[in-house]
Amino acid sequence: MIDTAQAFGVDIGGSGIKAAPVDLNKGEFAEPRLKILTPSESTPQAIGSVLRKQLEHFEIPETAPVGISFPAPVKPGQKLNWIANLDQSWVGVDITEALSEECGRPVTVVNDADAAGLAEQQFGASKGQEGLVVVTTLGTGIGTALIYDGVLIPNTELGHIELEGGKGDAERYASSAVRERKELSYKKWAKRLTKYYSLIEKYFSPSLIVIGGGVSRKSDNFVPFIDIDTPIVPAKLRNEAGIIGAAYYASTK
């Protein structure tokens, strides 16, 4: 691991596992990331094998903090009770304990949406923002992170808020995947997003809302048409946020 890196971050997804050493002074990769496809049988043992290859590839020293962004709620000392995008053998497993054992070293695990939120708060679109920041990731679903005065409030699932007027679960009505499936124009999609973000505004009175996910690079097509009072901005770190946020989180533990 080169000298400019202070921590190592990993982002575990349903299709790929991405990792890189992170320069926490700048909030960026210290070396180009290494992506390895998620094994078809994505058991703890199979995921652990990939993580070991990535740690060896970058020659990560034992003293370096290792943070892992994981696609499920992470409650230290508790076993996972459900998983959506990885093998069901994760259910009943203490994620941090299992991955530390697989890697042969202590690791810190954080929910993937929370990792992205922390990255944006420390280095991205909401850097220095006081009060409550709501970071949302628009993709297959709607991931959320709440950060108050720089402190993470973990494991929120605000993508499942029930919308008013019988519209149902928010992510089944307003996710990026829904826009694509229904072939909605960006303006029509923005009307759906307005319904969602209006409730976030009503329930939480945030100081700032950040929109992440791959679609954030096209934010000019829809963000100006989201009609709420709260300032709303696109994420800056995008697909790098999970790795950077996980590395930062590990460095604080």
C-alpha atoms as a PDB file:
ATOM      1  CA  MET A   1       0.000   0.000   0.000  1.00  0.00           C
ATOM      2  CA  ILE A   2       1.512   3.331  -1.042  1.00  0.00           C
ATOM      3  CA  ASP A   3       2.390   6.004   1.515  1.00  0.00           C
ATOM      4  CA  THR A   4      -0.484   8.385   0.729  1.00  0.00           C
ATOM      5  CA  ALA A   5      -3.111   5.855   1.842  1.00  0.00           C
ATOM      6  CA  GLN A   6      -4.305   5.724   5.450  1.00  0.00           C
ATOM      7  CA  ALA A   7      -7.062   3.093   5.136  1.00  0.00           C
ATOM      8  CA  PHE A   8      -8.448   0.439   2.819  1.00  0.00           C
ATOM      9  CA  GLY A   9     -12.030   0.360   1.593  1.00  0.00           C
ATOM     10  CA  VAL A  10     -14.136  -2.397   0.053  1.00  0.00           C
ATOM     11  CA  ASP A  11     -17.595  -2.111  -1.494  1.00  0.00           C
ATOM     12  CA  ILE A  12     -19.443  -5.442  -1.695  1.00  0.00           C
ATOM     13  CA  GLY A  13     -22.252  -5.514  -4.241  1.00  0.00           C
ATOM     14  CA  GLY A  14     -24.439  -8.142  -5.803  1.00  0.00           C
ATOM     15  CA  SER A  15     -22.461  -8.085  -9.061  1.00  0.00           C
ATOM     16  CA  GLY A  16     -18.992  -6.856  -8.103  1.00  0.00           C
ATOM     17  CA  ILE A  17     -16.617  -6.387  -5.171  1.00  0.00           C
ATOM     18  CA  LYS A  18     -14.551  -3.204  -5.522  1.00  0.00           C
ATOM     19  CA  ALA A  19     -11.602  -2.244  -3.343  1.00  0.00           C
ATOM     20  CA  ALA A  20      -8.886   0.414  -3.113  1.00  0.00           C
ATOM     21  CA  PRO A  21      -6.505   2.074  -0.654  1.00  0.00           C
ATOM     22  CA  VAL A  22      -7.883   5.510   0.249  1.00  0.00           C
ATOM     23  CA  ASP A  23      -6.129   8.818   0.833  1.00  0.00           C
ATOM     24  CA  LEU A  24      -8.210  10.237   3.688  1.00  0.00           C
ATOM     25  CA  ASN A  25      -6.525  13.628   3.419  1.00  0.00           C
ATOM     26  CA  LYS A  26      -8.064  14.104  -0.016  1.00  0.00           C
ATOM     27  CA  GLY A  27     -11.019  11.698   0.062  1.00  0.00           C
ATOM     28  CA  GLU A  28      -9.910   9.830  -3.050  1.00  0.00           C
ATOM     29  CA  PHE A  29      -8.338   6.549  -4.118  1.00  0.00           C
ATOM     30  CA  ALA A  30      -4.598   6.327  -3.487  1.00  0.00           C
ATOM     31  CA  GLU A  31      -4.369   3.667  -6.218  1.00  0.00           C
ATOM     32  CA  PRO A  32      -6.803   2.577  -8.960  1.00  0.00           C
ATOM     33  CA  ARG A  33      -9.506   0.302  -7.585  1.00  0.00           C
ATOM     34  CA  LEU A  34      -9.530  -3.454  -8.142  1.00  0.00           C
ATOM     35  CA  LYS A  35     -12.907  -4.940  -9.066  1.00  0.00           C
ATOM     36  CA  ILE A  36     -13.586  -8.672  -8.886  1.00  0.00           C
ATOM     37  CA  LEU A  37     -16.939 -10.136  -9.910  1.00  0.00           C
ATOM     38  CA  THR A  38     -19.073 -11.301  -7.002  1.00  0.00           C
ATOM     39  CA  PRO A  39     -19.025 -15.126  -6.924  1.00  0.00           C
ATOM     40  CA  SER A  40     -22.234 -16.742  -8.207  1.00  0.00           C
ATOM     41  CA  GLU A  41     -22.484 -18.520  -4.844  1.00  0.00           C
ATOM     42  CA  SER A  42     -21.829 -15.446  -2.726  1.00  0.00           C
ATOM     43  CA  THR A  43     -21.368 -17.207   0.621  1.00  0.00           C
ATOM     44  CA  PRO A  44     -19.271 -15.702   3.443  1.00  0.00           C
ATOM     45  CA  GLN A  45     -16.436 -18.069   2.478  1.00  0.00           C
ATOM     46  CA  ALA A  46     -16.570 -17.116  -1.216  1.00  0.00           C
ATOM     47  CA  ILE A  47     -16.718 -13.384  -0.447  1.00  0.00           C
ATOM     48  CA  GLY A  48     -13.879 -13.819   2.040  1.00  0.00           C
ATOM     49  CA  SER A  49     -11.717 -15.411  -0.638  1.00  0.00           C
ATOM     50  CA  VAL A  50     -12.179 -12.344  -2.864  1.00  0.00           C
ATOM     51  CA  LEU A  51     -11.369  -9.976   0.001  1.00  0.00           C
ATOM     52  CA  ARG A  52      -8.137 -11.823   0.757  1.00  0.00           C
ATOM     53  CA  LYS A  53      -7.079 -11.524  -2.896  1.00  0.00           C
ATOM     54  CA  GLN A  54      -7.728  -7.787  -2.807  1.00  0.00           C
ATOM     55  CA  LEU A  55      -5.824  -7.281   0.435  1.00  0.00           C
ATOM     56  CA  GLU A  56      -2.887  -9.257  -0.978  1.00  0.00           C
ATOM     57  CA  HIS A  57      -2.998  -7.407  -4.298  1.00  0.00           C
ATOM     58  CA  PHE A  58      -2.527  -4.039  -2.587  1.00  0.00           C
ATOM     59  CA  GLU A  59      -0.195  -5.436   0.097  1.00  0.00           C
ATOM     60  CA  ILE A  60      -2.264  -3.914   2.892  1.00  0.00           C
ATOM     61  CA  PRO A  61      -0.300  -3.902   6.180  1.00  0.00           C
ATOM     62  CA  GLU A  62      -1.823  -5.411   9.295  1.00  0.00           C
ATOM     63  CA  THR A  63      -1.954  -1.985  10.950  1.00  0.00           C
ATOM     64  CA  ALA A  64      -4.108  -0.356   8.257  1.00  0.00           C
ATOM     65  CA  PRO A  65      -7.834   0.076   9.025  1.00  0.00           C
ATOM     66  CA  VAL A  66     -10.001  -2.007   6.678  1.00  0.00           C
ATOM     67  CA  GLY A  67     -13.587  -0.883   6.089  1.00  0.00           C
ATOM     68  CA  ILE A  68     -16.195  -2.908   4.232  1.00  0.00           C
ATOM     69  CA  SER A  69     -19.409  -1.529   2.739  1.00  0.00           C
ATOM     70  CA  PHE A  70     -22.072  -4.245   2.922  1.00  0.00           C
ATOM     71  CA  PRO A  71     -25.561  -4.413   1.317  1.00  0.00           C
ATOM     72  CA  ALA A  72     -27.603  -4.985   4.482  1.00  0.00           C
ATOM     73  CA  PRO A  73     -28.222  -3.415   7.909  1.00  0.00           C
ATOM     74  CA  VAL A  74     -25.131  -3.817  10.095  1.00  0.00           C
ATOM     75  CA  LYS A  75     -25.637  -4.104  13.854  1.00  0.00           C
ATOM     76  CA  PRO A  76     -22.395  -4.840  15.723  1.00  0.00           C
ATOM     77  CA  GLY A  77     -22.630  -7.979  17.832  1.00  0.00           C
ATOM     78  CA  GLN A  78     -25.901  -9.053  16.228  1.00  0.00           C
ATOM     79  CA  LYS A  79     -26.581 -11.649  13.553  1.00  0.00           C
ATOM     80  CA  LEU A  80     -28.022 -10.734  10.187  1.00  0.00           C
ATOM     81  CA  ASN A  81     -31.728 -11.511   9.889  1.00  0.00           C
ATOM     82  CA  TRP A  82     -32.182 -10.909   6.162  1.00  0.00           C
ATOM     83  CA  ILE A  83     -30.184 -10.399   2.970  1.00  0.00           C
ATOM     84  CA  ALA A  84     -31.374  -9.407  -0.497  1.00  0.00           C
ATOM     85  CA  ASN A  85     -28.477  -9.399  -2.955  1.00  0.00           C
ATOM     86  CA  LEU A  86     -26.121 -12.074  -1.609  1.00  0.00           C
ATOM     87  CA  ASP A  87     -26.408 -15.776  -0.724  1.00  0.00           C
ATOM     88  CA  GLN A  88     -28.967 -16.613   1.958  1.00  0.00           C
ATOM     89  CA  SER A  89     -26.248 -18.353   3.991  1.00  0.00           C
ATOM     90  CA  TRP A  90     -25.468 -14.874   5.371  1.00  0.00           C
ATOM     91  CA  VAL A  91     -28.693 -15.003   7.408  1.00  0.00           C
ATOM     92  CA  GLY A  92     -27.869 -15.821  11.029  1.00  0.00           C
ATOM     93  CA  VAL A  93     -24.250 -14.635  10.642  1.00  0.00           C
ATOM     94  CA  ASP A  94     -22.477 -11.839  12.531  1.00  0.00           C
ATOM     95  CA  ILE A  95     -21.110 -10.018   9.462  1.00  0.00           C
ATOM     96  CA  THR A  96     -18.182  -8.287  11.154  1.00  0.00           C
ATOM     97  CA  GLU A  97     -17.109 -11.438  12.970  1.00  0.00           C
ATOM     98  CA  ALA A  98     -17.398 -13.590   9.839  1.00  0.00           C
ATOM     99  CA  LEU A  99     -15.486 -11.210   7.548  1.00  0.00           C
ATOM    100  CA  SER A 100     -12.776 -10.597  10.148  1.00  0.00           C
ATOM    101  CA  GLU A 101     -12.281 -14.356  10.393  1.00  0.00           C
ATOM    102  CA  GLU A 102     -12.256 -14.782   6.607  1.00  0.00           C
ATOM    103  CA  CYS A 103      -9.726 -11.959   6.168  1.00  0.00           C
ATOM    104  CA  GLY A 104      -7.549 -13.149   9.037  1.00  0.00           C
ATOM    105  CA  ARG A 105      -7.578  -9.656  10.558  1.00  0.00           C
ATOM    106  CA  PRO A 106     -10.041  -7.236  12.212  1.00  0.00           C
ATOM    107  CA  VAL A 107     -12.294  -5.406   9.755  1.00  0.00           C
ATOM    108  CA  THR A 108     -15.020  -2.799  10.226  1.00  0.00           C
ATOM    109  CA  VAL A 109     -18.326  -3.280   8.393  1.00  0.00           C
ATOM    110  CA  VAL A 110     -20.863  -0.557   7.574  1.00  0.00           C
ATOM    111  CA  ASN A 111     -24.118  -0.538   5.606  1.00  0.00           C
ATOM    112  CA  ASP A 112     -23.513   0.440   1.972  1.00  0.00           C
ATOM    113  CA  ALA A 113     -25.891   3.417   1.945  1.00  0.00           C
ATOM    114  CA  ASP A 114     -24.363   4.663   5.197  1.00  0.00           C
ATOM    115  CA  ALA A 115     -20.861   4.361   3.723  1.00  0.00           C
ATOM    116  CA  ALA A 116     -21.878   6.477   0.739  1.00  0.00           C
ATOM    117  CA  GLY A 117     -23.502   9.033   3.032  1.00  0.00           C
ATOM    118  CA  LEU A 118     -20.393   9.341   5.185  1.00  0.00           C
ATOM    119  CA  ALA A 119     -18.217   9.821   2.123  1.00  0.00           C
ATOM    120  CA  GLU A 120     -20.397  12.651   0.840  1.00  0.00           C
ATOM    121  CA  GLN A 121     -20.445  14.266   4.296  1.00  0.00           C
ATOM    122  CA  GLN A 122     -16.690  14.126   4.772  1.00  0.00           C
ATOM    123  CA  PHE A 123     -15.442  14.738   1.254  1.00  0.00           C
ATOM    124  CA  GLY A 124     -18.315  15.364  -1.149  1.00  0.00           C
ATOM    125  CA  ALA A 125     -21.525  17.269  -1.742  1.00  0.00           C
ATOM    126  CA  SER A 126     -22.417  17.799   1.931  1.00  0.00           C
ATOM    127  CA  LYS A 127     -18.934  18.474   3.305  1.00  0.00           C
ATOM    128  CA  GLY A 128     -19.126  20.873   6.243  1.00  0.00           C
ATOM    129  CA  GLN A 129     -22.927  20.891   6.255  1.00  0.00           C
ATOM    130  CA  GLU A 130     -24.406  21.303   9.728  1.00  0.00           C
ATOM    131  CA  GLY A 131     -27.756  19.950  10.870  1.00  0.00           C
ATOM    132  CA  LEU A 132     -29.429  16.918   9.329  1.00  0.00           C
ATOM    133  CA  VAL A 133     -28.264  15.692   5.934  1.00  0.00           C
ATOM    134  CA  VAL A 134     -30.258  13.013   4.116  1.00  0.00           C
ATOM    135  CA  VAL A 135     -28.251  11.183   1.463  1.00  0.00           C
ATOM    136  CA  THR A 136     -30.328   9.079  -0.916  1.00  0.00           C
ATOM    137  CA  THR A 137     -29.134   6.597  -3.518  1.00  0.00           C
ATOM    138  CA  LEU A 138     -31.484   6.174  -6.464  1.00  0.00           C
ATOM    139  CA  GLY A 139     -30.994   2.858  -8.220  1.00  0.00           C
ATOM    140  CA  THR A 140     -32.740  -0.507  -8.132  1.00  0.00           C
ATOM    141  CA  GLY A 141     -34.253   0.750  -4.896  1.00  0.00           C
ATOM    142  CA  ILE A 142     -33.779   3.858  -2.761  1.00  0.00           C
ATOM    143  CA  GLY A 143     -30.992   3.704  -0.202  1.00  0.00           C
ATOM    144  CA  THR A 144     -30.765   6.295   2.551  1.00  0.00           C
ATOM    145  CA  ALA A 145     -28.285   7.639   5.089  1.00  0.00           C
ATOM    146  CA  LEU A 146     -28.958  10.160   7.865  1.00  0.00           C
ATOM    147  CA  ILE A 147     -26.088  12.250   9.199  1.00  0.00           C
ATOM    148  CA  TYR A 148     -26.589  14.838  11.938  1.00  0.00           C
ATOM    149  CA  ASP A 149     -23.775  17.338  12.540  1.00  0.00           C
ATOM    150  CA  GLY A 150     -21.382  14.832  10.991  1.00  0.00           C
ATOM    151  CA  VAL A 151     -22.570  11.877  13.085  1.00  0.00           C
ATOM    152  CA  LEU A 152     -24.077   8.868  11.294  1.00  0.00           C
ATOM    153  CA  ILE A 153     -27.497   7.588  12.353  1.00  0.00           C
ATOM    154  CA  PRO A 154     -27.107   4.057  10.940  1.00  0.00           C
ATOM    155  CA  ASN A 155     -29.302   1.542   9.151  1.00  0.00           C
ATOM    156  CA  THR A 156     -32.199   3.730   8.047  1.00  0.00           C
ATOM    157  CA  GLU A 157     -34.582   2.345   5.412  1.00  0.00           C
ATOM    158  CA  LEU A 158     -36.378   5.494   4.307  1.00  0.00           C
ATOM    159  CA  GLY A 159     -36.717   4.159   0.794  1.00  0.00           C
ATOM    160  CA  HIS A 160     -39.638   2.160   2.161  1.00  0.00           C
ATOM    161  CA  ILE A 161     -41.665   5.109   3.440  1.00  0.00           C
ATOM    162  CA  GLU A 162     -45.322   4.708   2.466  1.00  0.00           C
ATOM    163  CA  LEU A 163     -46.289   7.534   0.150  1.00  0.00           C
ATOM    164  CA  GLU A 164     -49.507   9.463   0.600  1.00  0.00           C
ATOM    165  CA  GLY A 165     -52.459   9.035  -1.731  1.00  0.00           C
ATOM    166  CA  GLY A 166     -52.190   5.268  -1.962  1.00  0.00           C
ATOM    167  CA  LYS A 167     -48.908   5.346  -3.910  1.00  0.00           C
ATOM    168  CA  GLY A 168     -47.392   2.667  -1.657  1.00  0.00           C
ATOM    169  CA  ASP A 169     -43.746   1.899  -0.935  1.00  0.00           C
ATOM    170  CA  ALA A 170     -41.554   4.796  -2.118  1.00  0.00           C
ATOM    171  CA  GLU A 171     -38.905   2.768  -3.921  1.00  0.00           C
ATOM    172  CA  ARG A 172     -41.554   0.815  -5.831  1.00  0.00           C
ATOM    173  CA  TYR A 173     -42.911   4.127  -7.080  1.00  0.00           C
ATOM    174  CA  ALA A 174     -39.924   6.426  -7.476  1.00  0.00           C
ATOM    175  CA  SER A 175     -36.655   4.474  -7.849  1.00  0.00           C
ATOM    176  CA  SER A 176     -34.453   4.847 -10.903  1.00  0.00           C
ATOM    177  CA  ALA A 177     -35.344   1.285 -11.905  1.00  0.00           C
ATOM    178  CA  VAL A 178     -39.040   2.222 -11.935  1.00  0.00           C
ATOM    179  CA  ARG A 179     -38.302   5.188 -14.203  1.00  0.00           C
ATOM    180  CA  GLU A 180     -36.505   2.912 -16.644  1.00  0.00           C
ATOM    181  CA  ARG A 181     -39.108   0.149 -16.517  1.00  0.00           C
ATOM    182  CA  LYS A 182     -42.006   2.523 -17.104  1.00  0.00           C
ATOM    183  CA  GLU A 183     -40.009   4.607 -19.602  1.00  0.00           C
ATOM    184  CA  LEU A 184     -40.865   7.802 -17.736  1.00  0.00           C
ATOM    185  CA  SER A 185     -39.492  11.110 -18.921  1.00  0.00           C
ATOM    186  CA  TYR A 186     -37.212  12.819 -16.409  1.00  0.00           C
ATOM    187  CA  LYS A 187     -39.866  15.481 -15.778  1.00  0.00           C
ATOM    188  CA  LYS A 188     -42.538  12.866 -15.005  1.00  0.00           C
ATOM    189  CA  TRP A 189     -40.100  11.028 -12.786  1.00  0.00           C
ATOM    190  CA  ALA A 190     -39.335  14.282 -10.969  1.00  0.00           C
ATOM    191  CA  LYS A 191     -43.030  14.523 -10.043  1.00  0.00           C
ATOM    192  CA  ARG A 192     -42.771  11.119  -8.393  1.00  0.00           C
ATOM    193  CA  LEU A 193     -39.572  12.133  -6.647  1.00  0.00           C
ATOM    194  CA  THR A 194     -41.301  15.289  -5.415  1.00  0.00           C
ATOM    195  CA  LYS A 195     -43.890  13.121  -3.638  1.00  0.00           C
ATOM    196  CA  TYR A 196     -41.109  11.145  -1.993  1.00  0.00           C
ATOM    197  CA  TYR A 197     -38.839  14.016  -1.006  1.00  0.00           C
ATOM    198  CA  SER A 198     -41.811  16.055   0.233  1.00  0.00           C
ATOM    199  CA  LEU A 199     -42.371  13.374   2.873  1.00  0.00           C
ATOM    200  CA  ILE A 200     -38.679  13.312   3.804  1.00  0.00           C
ATOM    201  CA  GLU A 201     -38.927  17.086   4.196  1.00  0.00           C
ATOM    202  CA  LYS A 202     -42.142  16.847   6.223  1.00  0.00           C
ATOM    203  CA  TYR A 203     -40.913  14.159   8.625  1.00  0.00           C
ATOM    204  CA  PHE A 204     -37.269  15.176   9.112  1.00  0.00           C
ATOM    205  CA  SER A 205     -36.824  18.885   8.217  1.00  0.00           C
ATOM    206  CA  PRO A 206     -33.335  18.278   6.782  1.00  0.00           C
ATOM    207  CA  SER A 207     -30.814  21.005   6.082  1.00  0.00           C
ATOM    208  CA  LEU A 208     -29.767  19.336   2.829  1.00  0.00           C
ATOM    209  CA  ILE A 209     -30.717  16.370   0.640  1.00  0.00           C
ATOM    210  CA  VAL A 210     -28.075  14.682  -1.525  1.00  0.00           C
ATOM    211  CA  ILE A 211     -28.980  12.461  -4.481  1.00  0.00           C
ATOM    212  CA  GLY A 212     -26.518   9.674  -5.277  1.00  0.00           C
ATOM    213  CA  GLY A 213     -26.528   6.632  -7.516  1.00  0.00           C
ATOM    214  CA  GLY A 214     -25.474   6.351 -11.136  1.00  0.00           C
ATOM    215  CA  VAL A 215     -28.365   8.555 -12.263  1.00  0.00           C
ATOM    216  CA  SER A 216     -26.904  11.482 -10.283  1.00  0.00           C
ATOM    217  CA  ARG A 217     -24.593  12.225 -13.207  1.00  0.00           C
ATOM    218  CA  LYS A 218     -27.749  13.213 -15.115  1.00  0.00           C
ATOM    219  CA  SER A 219     -29.058  15.366 -12.281  1.00  0.00           C
ATOM    220  CA  ASP A 220     -29.631  18.390 -14.517  1.00  0.00           C
ATOM    221  CA  ASN A 221     -32.395  16.412 -16.233  1.00  0.00           C
ATOM    222  CA  PHE A 222     -34.536  15.977 -13.115  1.00  0.00           C
ATOM    223  CA  VAL A 223     -33.285  17.746  -9.954  1.00  0.00           C
ATOM    224  CA  PRO A 224     -34.467  21.221 -11.112  1.00  0.00           C
ATOM    225  CA  PHE A 225     -37.987  19.790 -11.391  1.00  0.00           C
ATOM    226  CA  ILE A 226     -38.155  18.365  -7.851  1.00  0.00           C
ATOM    227  CA  ASP A 227     -40.446  20.853  -6.137  1.00  0.00           C
ATOM    228  CA  ILE A 228     -39.473  21.067  -2.459  1.00  0.00           C
ATOM    229  CA  ASP A 229     -38.101  23.823  -0.218  1.00  0.00           C
ATOM    230  CA  THR A 230     -35.056  21.938   1.092  1.00  0.00           C
ATOM    231  CA  PRO A 231     -31.834  22.413  -0.904  1.00  0.00           C
ATOM    232  CA  ILE A 232     -31.201  19.280  -2.972  1.00  0.00           C
ATOM    233  CA  VAL A 233     -27.919  18.545  -4.773  1.00  0.00           C
ATOM    234  CA  PRO A 234     -26.289  15.658  -6.684  1.00  0.00           C
ATOM    235  CA  ALA A 235     -23.619  13.538  -5.037  1.00  0.00           C
ATOM    236  CA  LYS A 236     -20.013  14.205  -6.014  1.00  0.00           C
ATOM    237  CA  LEU A 237     -18.307  10.873  -5.296  1.00  0.00           C
ATOM    238  CA  ARG A 238     -20.863   8.645  -7.038  1.00  0.00           C
ATOM    239  CA  ASN A 239     -19.546   5.088  -7.494  1.00  0.00           C
ATOM    240  CA  GLU A 240     -16.440   5.786  -5.413  1.00  0.00           C
ATOM    241  CA  ALA A 241     -18.477   6.702  -2.332  1.00  0.00           C
ATOM    242  CA  GLY A 242     -18.874   3.180  -0.937  1.00  0.00           C
ATOM    243  CA  ILE A 243     -15.145   2.467  -0.876  1.00  0.00           C
ATOM    244  CA  ILE A 244     -14.178   5.905   0.439  1.00  0.00           C
ATOM    245  CA  GLY A 245     -16.914   5.937   3.076  1.00  0.00           C
ATOM    246  CA  ALA A 246     -16.041   2.450   4.322  1.00  0.00           C
ATOM    247  CA  ALA A 247     -12.365   3.353   4.600  1.00  0.00           C
ATOM    248  CA  TYR A 248     -13.173   6.567   6.459  1.00  0.00           C
ATOM    249  CA  TYR A 249     -15.551   4.762   8.847  1.00  0.00           C
ATOM    250  CA  ALA A 250     -12.904   2.151   9.645  1.00  0.00           C
ATOM    251  CA  SER A 251     -10.372   4.896  10.378  1.00  0.00           C
ATOM    252  CA  THR A 252     -12.660   6.287  13.109  1.00  0.00           C
ATOM    253  CA  LYS A 253     -12.984   2.988  14.963  1.00  0.00           C
END
